[in-house]
C-alpha atoms as a PDB file:
ATOM      1  CA  MET A   1     -59.759  -9.460 -25.627  1.00  0.00           C
ATOM      2  CA  LYS A   2     -57.495  -7.042 -23.701  1.00  0.00           C
ATOM      3  CA  GLY A   3     -55.453  -9.987 -22.441  1.00  0.00           C
ATOM      4  CA  ILE A   4     -54.821 -11.271 -25.950  1.00  0.00           C
ATOM      5  CA  PHE A   5     -53.831  -7.802 -27.163  1.00  0.00           C
ATOM      6  CA  LEU A   6     -51.460  -7.228 -24.233  1.00  0.00           C
ATOM      7  CA  GLY A   7     -49.966 -10.707 -24.651  1.00  0.00           C
ATOM      8  CA  ALA A   8     -49.358 -10.100 -28.350  1.00  0.00           C
ATOM      9  CA  LEU A   9     -47.869  -6.666 -27.639  1.00  0.00           C
ATOM     10  CA  LEU A  10     -45.576  -8.035 -24.930  1.00  0.00           C
ATOM     11  CA  GLY A  11     -44.519 -10.926 -27.156  1.00  0.00           C
ATOM     12  CA  SER A  12     -43.781  -8.521 -29.989  1.00  0.00           C
ATOM     13  CA  LEU A  13     -41.659  -6.343 -27.700  1.00  0.00           C
ATOM     14  CA  LEU A  14     -39.676  -9.316 -26.445  1.00  0.00           C
ATOM     15  CA  VAL A  15     -39.012 -10.624 -29.947  1.00  0.00           C
ATOM     16  CA  ASN A  16     -38.065  -7.188 -31.252  1.00  0.00           C
ATOM     17  CA  SER A  17     -35.816  -6.409 -28.269  1.00  0.00           C
ATOM     18  CA  ALA A  18     -33.510  -9.376 -28.851  1.00  0.00           C
ATOM     19  CA  PRO A  19     -30.002  -8.106 -29.551  1.00  0.00           C
ATOM     20  CA  THR A  20     -28.873  -8.210 -33.124  1.00  0.00           C
ATOM     21  CA  GLU A  21     -25.368  -8.099 -34.520  1.00  0.00           C
ATOM     22  CA  ARG A  22     -25.910  -4.421 -35.240  1.00  0.00           C
ATOM     23  CA  ASP A  23     -26.861  -3.725 -31.591  1.00  0.00           C
ATOM     24  CA  THR A  24     -23.808  -5.334 -29.988  1.00  0.00           C
ATOM     25  CA  CYS A  25     -21.149  -3.110 -28.504  1.00  0.00           C
ATOM     26  CA  LYS A  26     -18.322  -2.196 -30.793  1.00  0.00           C
ATOM     27  CA  GLN A  27     -14.828  -2.606 -29.387  1.00  0.00           C
ATOM     28  CA  ILE A  28     -13.284   0.828 -28.968  1.00  0.00           C
ATOM     29  CA  GLN A  29     -10.201   0.054 -26.896  1.00  0.00           C
ATOM     30  CA  HIS A  30      -7.015  -1.057 -28.577  1.00  0.00           C
ATOM     31  CA  THR A  31      -6.199  -4.753 -28.235  1.00  0.00           C
ATOM     32  CA  PHE A  32      -2.864  -4.914 -26.492  1.00  0.00           C
ATOM     33  CA  HIS A  33      -0.558  -7.823 -27.190  1.00  0.00           C
ATOM     34  CA  LEU A  34       1.158  -9.659 -24.345  1.00  0.00           C
ATOM     35  CA  GLY A  35       4.247  -7.720 -23.324  1.00  0.00           C
ATOM     36  CA  ALA A  36       3.251  -4.631 -25.300  1.00  0.00           C
ATOM     37  CA  GLY A  37       2.967  -2.344 -22.257  1.00  0.00           C
ATOM     38  CA  ASN A  38       5.577  -0.121 -20.694  1.00  0.00           C
ATOM     39  CA  SER A  39       6.670  -2.203 -17.700  1.00  0.00           C
ATOM     40  CA  THR A  40       8.957   0.543 -16.376  1.00  0.00           C
ATOM     41  CA  ARG A  41       6.065   2.981 -16.217  1.00  0.00           C
ATOM     42  CA  ALA A  42       3.718   0.356 -14.757  1.00  0.00           C
ATOM     43  CA  ASP A  43       6.247  -0.465 -12.026  1.00  0.00           C
ATOM     44  CA  ALA A  44       6.687   3.236 -11.206  1.00  0.00           C
ATOM     45  CA  VAL A  45       2.912   3.702 -10.874  1.00  0.00           C
ATOM     46  CA  ALA A  46       2.632   0.601  -8.662  1.00  0.00           C
ATOM     47  CA  GLN A  47       5.478   1.849  -6.446  1.00  0.00           C
ATOM     48  CA  ALA A  48       3.800   5.249  -6.113  1.00  0.00           C
ATOM     49  CA  TYR A  49       0.551   3.530  -5.138  1.00  0.00           C
ATOM     50  CA  ARG A  50       2.435   1.382  -2.614  1.00  0.00           C
ATOM     51  CA  ARG A  51       4.119   4.501  -1.118  1.00  0.00           C
ATOM     52  CA  VAL A  52       0.855   6.404  -0.798  1.00  0.00           C
ATOM     53  CA  PHE A  53      -0.907   3.374   0.669  1.00  0.00           C
ATOM     54  CA  GLY A  54       1.935   3.056   3.199  1.00  0.00           C
ATOM     55  CA  GLU A  55       1.337   6.642   4.350  1.00  0.00           C
ATOM     56  CA  TYR A  56      -2.392   6.007   4.562  1.00  0.00           C
ATOM     57  CA  GLU A  57      -1.795   2.777   6.489  1.00  0.00           C
ATOM     58  CA  LYS A  58       0.579   4.488   8.925  1.00  0.00           C
ATOM     59  CA  TYR A  59      -1.610   7.488   9.749  1.00  0.00           C
ATOM     60  CA  CYS A  60      -5.186   6.691   8.823  1.00  0.00           C
ATOM     61  CA  PHE A  61      -5.811   2.968   8.293  1.00  0.00           C
ATOM     62  CA  GLY A  62      -9.462   2.044   8.742  1.00  0.00           C
ATOM     63  CA  LYS A  63     -10.522   5.649   8.442  1.00  0.00           C
ATOM     64  CA  ASP A  64     -10.765   8.070   5.555  1.00  0.00           C
ATOM     65  CA  GLY A  65      -9.581  11.412   4.322  1.00  0.00           C
ATOM     66  CA  LEU A  66      -5.835  11.420   5.007  1.00  0.00           C
ATOM     67  CA  GLN A  67      -4.710  15.021   5.184  1.00  0.00           C
ATOM     68  CA  PRO A  68      -1.165  14.903   3.750  1.00  0.00           C
ATOM     69  CA  LEU A  69       0.135  18.097   5.315  1.00  0.00           C
ATOM     70  CA  THR A  70      -0.932  17.335   8.895  1.00  0.00           C
ATOM     71  CA  MET A  71      -0.926  13.503   8.582  1.00  0.00           C
ATOM     72  CA  THR A  72      -4.333  13.382  10.258  1.00  0.00           C
ATOM     73  CA  CYS A  73      -7.621  11.791   9.229  1.00  0.00           C
ATOM     74  CA  ASP A  74     -10.899  13.414   8.378  1.00  0.00           C
ATOM     75  CA  ALA A  75     -13.213  10.944  10.108  1.00  0.00           C
ATOM     76  CA  ASP A  76     -16.323  12.381   8.464  1.00  0.00           C
ATOM     77  CA  SER A  77     -15.288  11.900   4.850  1.00  0.00           C
ATOM     78  CA  LEU A  78     -16.539   8.825   2.973  1.00  0.00           C
ATOM     79  CA  TRP A  79     -18.848   7.972   5.885  1.00  0.00           C
ATOM     80  CA  GLY A  80     -15.969   7.250   8.272  1.00  0.00           C
ATOM     81  CA  PHE A  81     -15.832   3.460   7.842  1.00  0.00           C
ATOM     82  CA  GLY A  82     -12.695   3.087   5.760  1.00  0.00           C
ATOM     83  CA  GLY A  83     -14.194   3.594   2.332  1.00  0.00           C
ATOM     84  CA  THR A  84     -10.744   4.576   1.088  1.00  0.00           C
ATOM     85  CA  ILE A  85      -9.591   0.985   1.522  1.00  0.00           C
ATOM     86  CA  ILE A  86     -12.664  -0.458  -0.169  1.00  0.00           C
ATOM     87  CA  ASP A  87     -12.444   2.036  -3.024  1.00  0.00           C
ATOM     88  CA  GLY A  88      -8.793   1.187  -3.662  1.00  0.00           C
ATOM     89  CA  LEU A  89      -9.169  -2.601  -3.702  1.00  0.00           C
ATOM     90  CA  ASP A  90      -9.811  -2.873  -7.432  1.00  0.00           C
ATOM     91  CA  THR A  91      -6.769  -0.714  -8.172  1.00  0.00           C
ATOM     92  CA  ALA A  92      -4.547  -2.873  -5.950  1.00  0.00           C
ATOM     93  CA  ILE A  93      -5.902  -6.005  -7.638  1.00  0.00           C
ATOM     94  CA  ILE A  94      -5.206  -4.632 -11.123  1.00  0.00           C
ATOM     95  CA  MET A  95      -1.694  -3.606 -10.064  1.00  0.00           C
ATOM     96  CA  ASN A  96      -1.091  -7.084  -8.631  1.00  0.00           C
ATOM     97  CA  LEU A  97      -0.330  -5.896  -5.098  1.00  0.00           C
ATOM     98  CA  PRO A  98      -1.579  -8.904  -3.085  1.00  0.00           C
ATOM     99  CA  ASP A  99      -0.292  -7.684   0.284  1.00  0.00           C
ATOM    100  CA  ILE A 100      -2.351  -4.483  -0.007  1.00  0.00           C
ATOM    101  CA  VAL A 101      -5.365  -6.443  -1.251  1.00  0.00           C
ATOM    102  CA  GLU A 102      -5.147  -8.778   1.734  1.00  0.00           C
ATOM    103  CA  LYS A 103      -4.966  -5.884   4.211  1.00  0.00           C
ATOM    104  CA  GLY A 104      -7.918  -4.206   2.501  1.00  0.00           C
ATOM    105  CA  LEU A 105     -10.035  -7.351   2.479  1.00  0.00           C
ATOM    106  CA  ASN A 106      -9.243  -8.099   6.126  1.00  0.00           C
ATOM    107  CA  ASN A 107     -10.310  -4.587   7.094  1.00  0.00           C
ATOM    108  CA  THR A 108     -13.436  -4.703   4.915  1.00  0.00           C
ATOM    109  CA  ALA A 109     -14.542  -7.972   6.534  1.00  0.00           C
ATOM    110  CA  HIS A 110     -14.873  -6.107   9.853  1.00  0.00           C
ATOM    111  CA  VAL A 111     -16.726  -3.034   8.578  1.00  0.00           C
ATOM    112  CA  ASP A 112     -20.236  -2.495   9.937  1.00  0.00           C
ATOM    113  CA  PHE A 113     -22.131  -1.176   6.923  1.00  0.00           C
ATOM    114  CA  SER A 114     -25.326  -0.659   8.889  1.00  0.00           C
END
């Protein structure tokens, strides 16, 4: 008898938990039309990212915690395996910076996460 009750209860929960139109996520972000962005601003942000990445690459590539005043690395931050590169990959992808993405992926392929 317990098995039948539990089966019915579980079945009821599964049926009642199916998403309904009311439960779906409502879009809250504006739908941008192609070409609607500010390309000048986007280019400036991408160039700033490229400049900062260049400084990181020059002084601290494969490590973490670039200290901008001394141009040294804090080897203990972000576990010391180059988490800065991994963390920045999605940003470089979104900004369409394939050279930075390639460098980041090549470095990440050699990281020992153990």
